[in-house]
Amino acid sequence: MRADAMSLMDVRFAALDPEVAASAGGVWRRYRGTEGGRERLLPDFLIGTHAWMRADRFLTRDRGFYREYFTRLKIVDPSMS
C-alpha cells in the first residue's frame, strides 16, 4: 500500500551522491564556523542539501533551521496546512 501512495504522489528514491555530500560538508563547515554550535549534526545538512539539490520541495516541521541554511529550498510544513 505504501508503494502505491508514493507512486500517486510521484515520490521517487534518489541516493545520496558525492556532489550532494560535498556541498553538505561545506554548509556544515559554515554552520560550525559561524556558530560553533553542536545542536545540529552532519545528517541534518545531508538531508537539507539533498532536498535542495535533488527535489523541488521539502516536508518538515523544522522550518527555522532549514530556512536559514537552505534559503532556496521550498519548505512545506504539514502543521501549517
N, C-alpha and C. Protein backbone atom coordinates (compact mmCIF):
# COMPACT_ATOMS: atom_id res chain seq x y z
N MET A 1 0.82 -1.20 0.00
CA MET A 1 0.00 0.00 0.00
C MET A 1 0.86 1.27 0.00
N ARG A 2 1.93 1.28 0.77
CA ARG A 2 2.78 2.47 0.85
C ARG A 2 3.41 2.79 -0.51
N ALA A 3 3.83 1.76 -1.25
CA ALA A 3 4.42 1.99 -2.57
C ALA A 3 3.41 2.64 -3.50
N ASP A 4 2.16 2.25 -3.40
CA ASP A 4 1.12 2.87 -4.23
C ASP A 4 0.96 4.35 -3.88
N ALA A 5 0.94 4.67 -2.61
CA ALA A 5 0.80 6.07 -2.18
C ALA A 5 1.99 6.89 -2.66
N MET A 6 3.18 6.34 -2.56
CA MET A 6 4.36 7.05 -3.01
C MET A 6 4.29 7.29 -4.52
N SER A 7 3.82 6.31 -5.26
CA SER A 7 3.67 6.47 -6.71
C SER A 7 2.64 7.54 -7.04
N LEU A 8 1.54 7.53 -6.34
CA LEU A 8 0.49 8.52 -6.59
C LEU A 8 0.99 9.95 -6.35
N MET A 9 1.87 10.11 -5.37
CA MET A 9 2.42 11.43 -5.06
C MET A 9 3.66 11.74 -5.89
N ASP A 10 4.06 10.82 -6.75
CA ASP A 10 5.24 10.97 -7.60
C ASP A 10 6.52 11.14 -6.77
N VAL A 11 6.62 10.40 -5.66
CA VAL A 11 7.80 10.41 -4.81
C VAL A 11 8.74 9.32 -5.31
N ARG A 12 10.00 9.69 -5.51
CA ARG A 12 11.00 8.75 -6.00
C ARG A 12 12.20 8.73 -5.09
N PHE A 13 12.89 7.60 -5.07
CA PHE A 13 14.12 7.45 -4.30
C PHE A 13 15.28 8.02 -5.10
N ALA A 14 16.12 8.81 -4.45
CA ALA A 14 17.34 9.31 -5.08
C ALA A 14 18.47 9.14 -4.06
N ALA A 15 19.42 8.32 -4.38
CA ALA A 15 20.54 8.05 -3.47
C ALA A 15 21.40 9.30 -3.29
N LEU A 16 22.03 9.37 -2.15
CA LEU A 16 22.97 10.45 -1.88
C LEU A 16 24.19 10.27 -2.77
N ASP A 17 24.60 11.32 -3.42
CA ASP A 17 25.75 11.22 -4.33
C ASP A 17 26.89 12.12 -3.84
N PRO A 18 28.08 11.96 -4.40
CA PRO A 18 29.24 12.73 -3.94
C PRO A 18 29.06 14.25 -4.03
N GLU A 19 28.38 14.74 -5.05
CA GLU A 19 28.16 16.18 -5.18
C GLU A 19 27.34 16.73 -4.02
N VAL A 20 26.28 16.03 -3.67
CA VAL A 20 25.44 16.43 -2.54
C VAL A 20 26.24 16.36 -1.24
N ALA A 21 26.98 15.27 -1.06
CA ALA A 21 27.76 15.10 0.17
C ALA A 21 28.79 16.21 0.33
N ALA A 22 29.48 16.56 -0.74
CA ALA A 22 30.49 17.63 -0.67
C ALA A 22 29.84 18.97 -0.36
N SER A 23 28.71 19.26 -0.98
CA SER A 23 28.01 20.53 -0.70
C SER A 23 27.52 20.57 0.74
N ALA A 24 27.00 19.45 1.22
CA ALA A 24 26.53 19.39 2.61
C ALA A 24 27.68 19.63 3.58
N GLY A 25 28.84 19.09 3.27
CA GLY A 25 30.02 19.33 4.12
C GLY A 25 30.38 20.80 4.18
N GLY A 26 30.25 21.50 3.06
CA GLY A 26 30.53 22.93 3.04
C GLY A 26 29.56 23.74 3.88
N VAL A 27 28.28 23.40 3.80
CA VAL A 27 27.26 24.10 4.59
C VAL A 27 27.49 23.80 6.08
N TRP A 28 27.80 22.55 6.39
CA TRP A 28 28.06 22.16 7.78
C TRP A 28 29.27 22.91 8.33
N ARG A 29 30.34 23.04 7.53
CA ARG A 29 31.53 23.80 7.97
C ARG A 29 31.18 25.25 8.26
N ARG A 30 30.33 25.84 7.41
CA ARG A 30 29.90 27.22 7.64
C ARG A 30 29.13 27.33 8.96
N TYR A 31 28.25 26.39 9.21
CA TYR A 31 27.49 26.35 10.46
C TYR A 31 28.43 26.25 11.66
N ARG A 32 29.37 25.33 11.61
CA ARG A 32 30.29 25.14 12.73
C ARG A 32 31.22 26.34 12.90
N GLY A 33 31.58 26.98 11.80
CA GLY A 33 32.50 28.11 11.87
C GLY A 33 31.85 29.37 12.40
N THR A 34 30.59 29.61 12.05
CA THR A 34 29.94 30.85 12.46
C THR A 34 29.28 30.74 13.83
N GLU A 35 28.73 29.59 14.12
CA GLU A 35 28.01 29.44 15.39
C GLU A 35 28.78 28.62 16.41
N GLY A 36 29.61 27.72 15.91
CA GLY A 36 30.34 26.85 16.82
C GLY A 36 29.44 25.90 17.57
N GLY A 37 28.16 25.88 17.18
CA GLY A 37 27.20 25.04 17.88
C GLY A 37 27.37 23.57 17.59
N ARG A 38 26.78 22.80 18.44
CA ARG A 38 26.78 21.35 18.26
C ARG A 38 25.35 20.81 18.32
N GLU A 39 24.38 21.68 18.12
CA GLU A 39 22.99 21.24 18.17
C GLU A 39 22.62 20.46 16.92
N ARG A 40 23.22 20.79 15.81
CA ARG A 40 22.92 20.14 14.54
C ARG A 40 24.03 19.18 14.17
N LEU A 41 23.65 18.04 13.64
CA LEU A 41 24.60 17.03 13.21
C LEU A 41 24.72 17.05 11.69
N LEU A 42 25.78 16.48 11.19
CA LEU A 42 26.00 16.43 9.75
C LEU A 42 24.81 15.84 8.99
N PRO A 43 24.12 14.81 9.49
CA PRO A 43 22.97 14.29 8.74
C PRO A 43 21.89 15.35 8.46
N ASP A 44 21.71 16.31 9.35
CA ASP A 44 20.75 17.40 9.08
C ASP A 44 21.13 18.15 7.81
N PHE A 45 22.42 18.34 7.62
CA PHE A 45 22.91 19.06 6.45
C PHE A 45 22.87 18.19 5.20
N LEU A 46 23.11 16.89 5.36
CA LEU A 46 22.98 15.97 4.23
C LEU A 46 21.53 15.94 3.74
N ILE A 47 20.59 15.88 4.66
CA ILE A 47 19.17 15.85 4.30
C ILE A 47 18.76 17.15 3.61
N GLY A 48 19.11 18.28 4.20
CA GLY A 48 18.75 19.58 3.63
C GLY A 48 19.38 19.81 2.26
N THR A 49 20.65 19.45 2.12
CA THR A 49 21.34 19.65 0.84
C THR A 49 20.76 18.73 -0.22
N HIS A 50 20.47 17.49 0.15
CA HIS A 50 19.88 16.56 -0.80
C HIS A 50 18.53 17.09 -1.29
N ALA A 51 17.70 17.58 -0.39
CA ALA A 51 16.41 18.15 -0.78
C ALA A 51 16.60 19.36 -1.69
N TRP A 52 17.53 20.23 -1.34
CA TRP A 52 17.78 21.45 -2.12
C TRP A 52 18.28 21.12 -3.53
N MET A 53 19.18 20.15 -3.64
CA MET A 53 19.79 19.86 -4.93
C MET A 53 19.01 18.86 -5.78
N ARG A 54 18.18 18.01 -5.15
CA ARG A 54 17.57 16.91 -5.89
C ARG A 54 16.05 16.85 -5.83
N ALA A 55 15.43 17.79 -5.14
CA ALA A 55 13.97 17.76 -5.01
C ALA A 55 13.41 19.16 -5.25
N ASP A 56 12.12 19.24 -5.43
CA ASP A 56 11.52 20.56 -5.66
C ASP A 56 10.89 21.13 -4.40
N ARG A 57 10.85 20.35 -3.31
CA ARG A 57 10.35 20.85 -2.02
C ARG A 57 10.74 19.88 -0.92
N PHE A 58 10.57 20.34 0.33
CA PHE A 58 10.99 19.55 1.49
C PHE A 58 9.92 19.63 2.56
N LEU A 59 9.43 18.49 3.01
CA LEU A 59 8.41 18.41 4.04
C LEU A 59 9.07 18.29 5.41
N THR A 60 8.89 19.30 6.25
CA THR A 60 9.48 19.30 7.59
C THR A 60 8.70 20.25 8.50
N ARG A 61 8.74 19.97 9.77
CA ARG A 61 8.18 20.90 10.76
C ARG A 61 9.26 21.84 11.29
N ASP A 62 10.50 21.56 10.97
CA ASP A 62 11.63 22.34 11.46
C ASP A 62 11.97 23.43 10.45
N ARG A 63 11.13 24.44 10.36
CA ARG A 63 11.28 25.47 9.33
C ARG A 63 12.46 26.39 9.59
N GLY A 64 12.71 26.74 10.82
CA GLY A 64 13.74 27.74 11.12
C GLY A 64 15.12 27.34 10.64
N PHE A 65 15.57 26.17 11.01
CA PHE A 65 16.90 25.70 10.61
C PHE A 65 17.01 25.58 9.10
N TYR A 66 16.09 24.89 8.47
CA TYR A 66 16.20 24.66 7.03
C TYR A 66 16.01 25.95 6.24
N ARG A 67 15.18 26.85 6.70
CA ARG A 67 15.02 28.14 6.01
C ARG A 67 16.27 29.00 6.13
N GLU A 68 16.96 28.89 7.24
CA GLU A 68 18.18 29.69 7.43
C GLU A 68 19.34 29.18 6.58
N TYR A 69 19.52 27.88 6.52
CA TYR A 69 20.68 27.33 5.83
C TYR A 69 20.41 26.91 4.39
N PHE A 70 19.16 26.77 4.00
CA PHE A 70 18.81 26.36 2.64
C PHE A 70 17.74 27.32 2.12
N THR A 71 18.15 28.55 1.89
CA THR A 71 17.22 29.63 1.56
C THR A 71 16.48 29.42 0.25
N ARG A 72 17.06 28.68 -0.67
CA ARG A 72 16.40 28.45 -1.95
C ARG A 72 15.53 27.19 -1.95
N LEU A 73 15.46 26.50 -0.84
CA LEU A 73 14.67 25.27 -0.72
C LEU A 73 13.23 25.62 -0.34
N LYS A 74 12.28 25.09 -1.10
CA LYS A 74 10.87 25.31 -0.78
C LYS A 74 10.49 24.39 0.38
N ILE A 75 10.12 24.99 1.51
CA ILE A 75 9.77 24.26 2.72
C ILE A 75 8.25 24.10 2.78
N VAL A 76 7.81 22.88 3.06
CA VAL A 76 6.39 22.60 3.26
C VAL A 76 6.25 22.10 4.69
N ASP A 77 5.48 22.84 5.48
CA ASP A 77 5.24 22.47 6.88
C ASP A 77 3.84 21.89 6.99
N PRO A 78 3.70 20.60 7.32
CA PRO A 78 2.38 19.98 7.37
C PRO A 78 1.47 20.58 8.45
N SER A 79 2.04 21.17 9.47
CA SER A 79 1.21 21.76 10.53
C SER A 79 0.59 23.09 10.09
N MET A 80 1.08 23.66 8.99
CA MET A 80 0.58 24.94 8.51
C MET A 80 -0.54 24.78 7.47
N SER A 81 -0.90 23.53 7.15
CA SER A 81 -1.93 23.30 6.13
C SER A 81 -3.31 23.53 6.64
